[in-house]
Amino acid sequence: MNKVALSGSIRNEIGSKYAAQLRREKRVPCVLYGGEKTVHFSVDESALNKLVFTPELNGIDLDLDGTKTLALVKEKQFHPLTDRVIHVDFMEVNEAKETSAVLSVRLNGQPVGVRNGGTLSQTMRKLRVKGLPSKLPQRVDIDVSGLDVNQTIHVEDLKLDGITMLERGRDVVAAVKVAKKAAETVEAAATPATPAAADAKKAEAKPAAKK
């Protein structure tokens, strides 16, 4: 797991009044859970933005007034109008124990099925997993270049060393499907014409009688 250093200052005052004051000072109120006690602290907003506005998983080497802890970002709150981050929950993790995390999914390569007229569909963009912090990757990279039309990648097809998937095995991650119009054309061509339809087609093709 990639690690990023982050420094914060422990805060003794809690509540909306003090949180608003911190935000005016361009600092973000945060909370650290999972340890012996819950710790309230604040972090410089610009330093925190580099962590929260990324889809990749990063371990946080959190330094709170000299006390260092390994943590993961668990919850993020944003201002509904400005998208500024206004609160972050961190979870302390133990490098010797498995922890759960959410990984983003990135598809790599152009499927052969797309070159054959299909359309690539990505059903799952995030995956819940469990593993030791040292085994957790920043994201799940999937090579889809060999995926042909009507072929699918399920959760159970993904094998990551030391990682347990927490999603259902048969859930679809990505698939190549035939485009809807193309499928309708193929279906129409394969459907045998009824006698009435055949007679109508012949009538349309017959030249109009001269007057």
Protein backbone atom coordinates (compact mmCIF):
# COMPACT_ATOMS: atom_id res chain seq x y z
CA MET A 1 0.00 0.00 0.00
CA ASN A 2 1.27 3.43 -0.92
CA LYS A 3 1.76 5.70 2.09
CA VAL A 4 1.43 9.47 2.34
CA ALA A 5 2.59 11.61 5.26
CA LEU A 6 0.08 13.98 6.85
CA SER A 7 0.47 16.22 9.90
CA GLY A 8 -2.34 17.42 12.13
CA SER A 9 -2.93 19.25 15.38
CA ILE A 10 -4.97 17.72 18.19
CA ARG A 11 -8.00 19.86 19.17
CA ASN A 12 -9.64 19.77 22.55
CA GLU A 13 -12.66 21.89 21.63
CA ILE A 14 -15.38 20.17 19.62
CA GLY A 15 -18.73 21.31 18.29
CA SER A 16 -20.04 23.29 15.33
CA LYS A 17 -18.79 26.65 16.64
CA TYR A 18 -15.17 25.51 16.84
CA ALA A 19 -15.45 23.57 13.57
CA ALA A 20 -16.63 26.72 11.78
CA GLN A 21 -13.69 28.66 13.22
CA LEU A 22 -11.25 26.03 11.94
CA ARG A 23 -12.75 26.21 8.44
CA ARG A 24 -12.37 29.99 8.40
CA GLU A 25 -8.69 29.37 9.11
CA LYS A 26 -8.49 26.98 6.11
CA ARG A 27 -8.23 23.96 8.39
CA VAL A 28 -10.45 20.87 8.32
CA PRO A 29 -11.82 19.23 11.49
CA CYS A 30 -11.07 15.49 11.54
CA VAL A 31 -11.61 12.49 13.78
CA LEU A 32 -9.45 9.36 14.23
CA TYR A 33 -11.26 6.16 15.25
CA GLY A 34 -10.17 2.57 15.85
CA GLY A 35 -7.51 3.10 18.50
CA GLU A 36 -7.64 3.12 22.27
CA LYS A 37 -9.58 6.37 22.17
CA THR A 38 -11.19 8.70 19.66
CA VAL A 39 -8.93 11.61 18.72
CA HIS A 40 -10.19 14.96 17.40
CA PHE A 41 -7.72 16.97 15.35
CA SER A 42 -7.44 19.40 12.44
CA VAL A 43 -5.44 19.38 9.23
CA ASP A 44 -4.44 22.08 6.76
CA GLU A 45 -7.08 22.10 4.00
CA SER A 46 -4.63 22.26 1.08
CA ALA A 47 -2.63 19.28 2.40
CA LEU A 48 -5.80 17.24 2.89
CA ASN A 49 -7.16 17.99 -0.60
CA LYS A 50 -4.37 15.92 -2.17
CA LEU A 51 -5.74 12.86 -0.34
CA VAL A 52 -9.49 13.23 -0.56
CA PHE A 53 -9.72 14.24 -4.22
CA THR A 54 -8.16 11.03 -5.51
CA PRO A 55 -9.80 7.68 -6.31
CA GLU A 56 -6.71 5.76 -5.22
CA LEU A 57 -6.27 4.15 -1.82
CA ASN A 58 -3.43 5.56 0.25
CA GLY A 59 -2.23 4.67 3.71
CA ILE A 60 -1.83 7.80 5.84
CA ASP A 61 1.22 8.17 8.05
CA LEU A 62 -0.59 10.49 10.40
CA ASP A 63 1.53 12.66 12.72
CA LEU A 64 -0.55 14.26 15.47
CA ASP A 65 1.66 16.51 17.58
CA GLY A 66 4.48 13.97 17.42
CA THR A 67 2.40 10.82 17.82
CA LYS A 68 2.45 8.76 14.61
CA THR A 69 -0.36 6.44 13.50
CA LEU A 70 -1.11 4.51 10.32
CA ALA A 71 -4.64 5.27 9.13
CA LEU A 72 -7.06 5.13 6.19
CA VAL A 73 -9.60 7.70 5.08
CA LYS A 74 -13.06 6.27 5.85
CA GLU A 75 -15.59 9.07 5.43
CA LYS A 76 -15.45 12.45 3.68
CA GLN A 77 -17.92 15.32 3.88
CA PHE A 78 -18.07 18.13 1.32
CA HIS A 79 -19.80 21.49 1.24
CA PRO A 80 -22.89 21.08 -0.98
CA LEU A 81 -22.23 24.27 -2.96
CA THR A 82 -18.47 24.74 -3.07
CA ASP A 83 -17.28 21.08 -2.85
CA ARG A 84 -14.77 22.11 -0.19
CA VAL A 85 -13.95 19.26 2.17
CA ILE A 86 -15.45 20.12 5.56
CA HIS A 87 -14.85 16.98 7.63
CA VAL A 88 -12.91 13.70 7.38
CA ASP A 89 -13.05 10.52 9.43
CA PHE A 90 -9.87 8.43 9.63
CA MET A 91 -9.62 4.82 10.81
CA GLU A 92 -6.50 3.61 12.60
CA VAL A 93 -5.12 0.38 11.16
CA ASN A 94 -2.68 -2.20 12.46
CA GLU A 95 -0.10 -3.42 9.94
CA ALA A 96 -0.28 -6.90 11.51
CA LYS A 97 -4.07 -7.20 11.14
CA GLU A 98 -6.34 -7.38 8.11
CA THR A 99 -8.51 -4.36 7.42
CA SER A 100 -11.32 -3.65 4.99
CA ALA A 101 -11.05 -1.01 2.29
CA VAL A 102 -12.72 0.22 -0.88
CA LEU A 103 -10.62 0.11 -4.06
CA SER A 104 -11.39 1.89 -7.31
CA VAL A 105 -11.44 -0.21 -10.51
CA ARG A 106 -9.57 0.81 -13.66
CA LEU A 107 -9.99 -1.03 -16.97
CA ASN A 108 -6.93 -1.19 -19.21
CA GLY A 109 -6.70 -1.97 -22.93
CA GLN A 110 -9.17 -2.00 -25.82
CA PRO A 111 -11.28 -5.18 -25.86
CA VAL A 112 -11.20 -7.26 -29.05
CA GLY A 113 -15.00 -7.29 -28.80
CA VAL A 114 -15.12 -3.52 -29.21
CA ARG A 115 -13.15 -3.80 -32.45
CA ASN A 116 -15.76 -6.37 -33.52
CA GLY A 117 -18.63 -3.95 -32.99
CA GLY A 118 -19.39 -4.45 -29.31
CA THR A 119 -19.60 -1.92 -26.49
CA LEU A 120 -17.59 -2.08 -23.27
CA SER A 121 -19.67 -1.69 -20.11
CA GLN A 122 -18.16 -1.17 -16.65
CA THR A 123 -20.74 -2.15 -14.05
CA MET A 124 -18.59 -1.81 -10.91
CA ARG A 125 -16.25 1.12 -10.35
CA LYS A 126 -15.39 0.26 -6.74
CA LEU A 127 -14.75 -3.01 -4.90
CA ARG A 128 -14.88 -3.77 -1.19
CA VAL A 129 -11.89 -5.89 -0.15
CA LYS A 130 -10.04 -7.11 2.93
CA GLY A 131 -6.35 -7.74 3.54
CA LEU A 132 -3.23 -6.74 5.41
CA PRO A 133 -2.34 -3.07 4.89
CA SER A 134 0.89 -4.09 3.15
CA LYS A 135 -1.12 -6.13 0.61
CA LEU A 136 -3.70 -3.48 -0.25
CA PRO A 137 -3.04 -1.94 -3.70
CA GLN A 138 -3.91 1.64 -4.60
CA ARG A 139 -6.54 0.36 -7.06
CA VAL A 140 -7.62 -2.72 -9.00
CA ASP A 141 -6.25 -2.74 -12.57
CA ILE A 142 -8.03 -5.10 -14.98
CA ASP A 143 -6.76 -5.96 -18.47
CA VAL A 144 -9.82 -6.19 -20.72
CA SER A 145 -7.99 -6.38 -24.07
CA GLY A 146 -8.89 -10.07 -24.50
CA LEU A 147 -12.58 -9.57 -23.79
CA ASP A 148 -14.74 -10.48 -26.82
CA VAL A 149 -18.40 -9.82 -27.59
CA ASN A 150 -20.76 -11.34 -24.97
CA GLN A 151 -17.88 -12.06 -22.60
CA THR A 152 -17.93 -10.92 -18.97
CA ILE A 153 -15.55 -10.41 -16.07
CA HIS A 154 -17.02 -11.33 -12.67
CA VAL A 155 -15.70 -10.53 -9.21
CA GLU A 156 -14.71 -14.18 -8.78
CA ASP A 157 -12.43 -13.88 -11.83
CA LEU A 158 -10.23 -11.32 -10.06
CA LYS A 159 -7.24 -12.73 -8.22
CA LEU A 160 -5.22 -10.38 -6.01
CA ASP A 161 -2.42 -11.75 -3.84
CA GLY A 162 -3.39 -11.68 -0.18
CA ILE A 163 -6.71 -9.92 -0.87
CA THR A 164 -10.20 -11.23 -0.11
CA MET A 165 -13.07 -9.84 -2.15
CA LEU A 166 -16.09 -8.78 -0.08
CA GLU A 167 -18.41 -8.46 -3.07
CA ARG A 168 -20.52 -11.34 -4.41
CA GLY A 169 -18.50 -13.59 -6.71
CA ARG A 170 -21.01 -13.54 -9.58
CA ASP A 171 -21.36 -9.75 -9.63
CA VAL A 172 -20.36 -8.37 -13.04
CA VAL A 173 -17.42 -5.96 -13.10
CA ALA A 174 -17.16 -5.41 -16.87
CA ALA A 175 -18.62 -6.88 -20.05
CA VAL A 176 -18.62 -6.41 -23.81
CA LYS A 177 -22.10 -6.36 -25.27
CA VAL A 178 -23.50 -6.07 -28.77
CA ALA A 179 -24.76 -2.58 -29.52
CA LYS A 180 -28.58 -2.43 -29.25
CA LYS A 181 -29.21 -1.44 -32.89
CA ALA A 182 -26.82 -4.10 -34.17
CA ALA A 183 -28.52 -6.72 -31.99
CA GLU A 184 -31.94 -5.72 -33.32
CA THR A 185 -30.68 -5.95 -36.90
CA VAL A 186 -29.25 -9.41 -36.33
CA GLU A 187 -32.43 -10.55 -34.59
CA ALA A 188 -34.62 -9.23 -37.43
CA ALA A 189 -32.47 -10.96 -40.05
CA ALA A 190 -32.66 -14.24 -38.15
CA THR A 191 -36.45 -14.12 -37.67
CA PRO A 192 -38.31 -16.08 -40.42
CA ALA A 193 -40.93 -14.05 -42.26
CA THR A 194 -44.61 -15.00 -41.84
CA PRO A 195 -46.64 -15.77 -45.01
CA ALA A 196 -48.51 -12.47 -44.64
CA ALA A 197 -45.28 -10.54 -44.29
CA ALA A 198 -43.81 -12.31 -47.32
CA ASP A 199 -46.88 -11.44 -49.45
CA ALA A 200 -46.67 -7.81 -48.36
CA LYS A 201 -43.00 -7.69 -49.27
CA LYS A 202 -43.77 -9.12 -52.74
CA ALA A 203 -46.54 -6.56 -53.25
CA GLU A 204 -44.16 -3.72 -52.44
CA ALA A 205 -41.61 -5.04 -54.90
CA LYS A 206 -44.18 -5.52 -57.77
CA PRO A 207 -44.24 -2.61 -60.29
CA ALA A 208 -47.41 -0.59 -60.42
CA ALA A 209 -49.73 -1.47 -63.39
CA LYS A 210 -49.80 1.03 -66.27
CA LYS A 211 -53.09 2.90 -66.82
